[in-house]
Structures are given as C-alpha cells and as structure tokens.
Amino acid sequence: MRIKVINGVLARQKNKDGSDAGFAPLVAGTYEVTGPAKDGQLEVQKDAEHSVFMPLDKLDHYVKLGDVQII
C-alpha cells in the first residue's frame, strides 16, 4: 500500500530499541507502507534508510481532512 501526503503531516519515529523518539514530519510526496499494522500503527518508509510510524487513528484523521490519500 502507498500513501500520498498532500499537505505535510506528523508521524512518530522510534529508537532502535523500539522506544518512542518523538515526531517526524512527512512532507508532501508518496510513501510506501510496509507490512501489516503493529500496535495500531503502520510503518511508513520515509526514505531508503528511515521509517516512521503512523497511528491508524491519526491516518484516518488525515484522510478525512484531505491531507493524505491512500493509493
């Protein structure tokens, strides 16, 4: 699955040990979503080296606002 970010949104980033590392911006563009949801979050490939995590409820909110499209 892929998502298209129309207006910049915030996602979560994680440390290598899985702990929360704060927010990470997703600028306008198209991103690959990898694997099934874990702990209510989808893993989004920000670039070749970094992933961020989008909570399902936040993704739903962004879709309703028109900030993100699921493609």
Protein backbone atom coordinates (compact mmCIF):
# COMPACT_ATOMS: atom_id res chain seq x y z
CA MET A 1 0.00 0.00 0.00
CA ARG A 2 1.09 3.56 -0.61
CA ILE A 3 0.02 6.88 0.82
CA LYS A 4 0.18 10.26 -0.84
CA VAL A 5 0.76 13.17 1.51
CA ILE A 6 -0.89 16.30 0.11
CA ASN A 7 -0.10 18.65 3.00
CA GLY A 8 2.73 17.90 5.41
CA VAL A 9 1.75 15.73 8.39
CA LEU A 10 3.43 14.41 11.52
CA ALA A 11 4.28 10.78 12.19
CA ARG A 12 6.14 9.10 15.05
CA GLN A 13 9.73 7.91 14.95
CA LYS A 14 11.24 5.19 17.09
CA ASN A 15 14.66 4.46 18.51
CA LYS A 16 16.42 1.21 17.59
CA ASP A 17 15.16 -0.35 20.83
CA GLY A 18 11.56 0.43 19.81
CA SER A 19 11.05 3.27 22.26
CA ASP A 20 9.41 6.48 21.13
CA ALA A 21 11.74 9.11 19.64
CA GLY A 22 9.23 11.90 19.05
CA PHE A 23 7.64 13.33 15.95
CA ALA A 24 8.94 13.24 12.40
CA PRO A 25 7.49 15.31 9.56
CA LEU A 26 6.26 13.72 6.35
CA VAL A 27 6.42 16.34 3.62
CA ALA A 28 4.23 16.23 0.52
CA GLY A 29 5.03 13.15 -1.55
CA THR A 30 4.26 9.46 -1.99
CA TYR A 31 5.41 6.89 0.55
CA GLU A 32 5.40 3.10 0.74
CA VAL A 33 3.66 1.49 3.72
CA THR A 34 5.31 -1.78 4.73
CA GLY A 35 3.80 -4.78 6.44
CA PRO A 36 0.58 -5.08 8.42
CA ALA A 37 -0.26 -2.71 11.27
CA LYS A 38 1.57 -3.39 14.56
CA ASP A 39 0.32 -1.98 17.84
CA GLY A 40 -2.19 0.17 15.96
CA GLN A 41 0.48 1.80 13.77
CA LEU A 42 1.56 1.47 10.15
CA GLU A 43 5.23 1.61 9.21
CA VAL A 44 5.89 4.22 6.51
CA GLN A 45 9.17 4.26 4.58
CA LYS A 46 10.28 7.90 4.84
CA ASP A 47 13.37 7.23 2.71
CA ALA A 48 15.72 4.34 1.94
CA GLU A 49 17.14 4.32 5.48
CA HIS A 50 14.36 5.62 7.74
CA SER A 51 10.88 4.50 8.69
CA VAL A 52 8.28 6.41 10.65
CA PHE A 53 5.07 5.15 12.20
CA MET A 54 1.56 6.43 11.60
CA PRO A 55 -1.11 5.54 14.16
CA LEU A 56 -4.22 4.23 12.38
CA ASP A 57 -6.49 6.76 14.06
CA LYS A 58 -4.19 9.62 13.01
CA LEU A 59 -4.08 8.29 9.43
CA ASP A 60 -7.89 8.20 9.39
CA HIS A 61 -7.97 11.80 10.69
CA TYR A 62 -5.52 12.98 8.00
CA VAL A 63 -7.52 11.20 5.27
CA LYS A 64 -10.76 12.88 6.43
CA LEU A 65 -9.01 16.27 6.40
CA GLY A 66 -7.73 15.63 2.85
CA ASP A 67 -4.09 15.85 3.94
CA VAL A 68 -3.39 12.20 2.98
CA GLN A 69 -4.73 9.89 0.28
CA ILE A 70 -4.44 6.10 0.33
CA ILE A 71 -3.39 4.92 -3.12
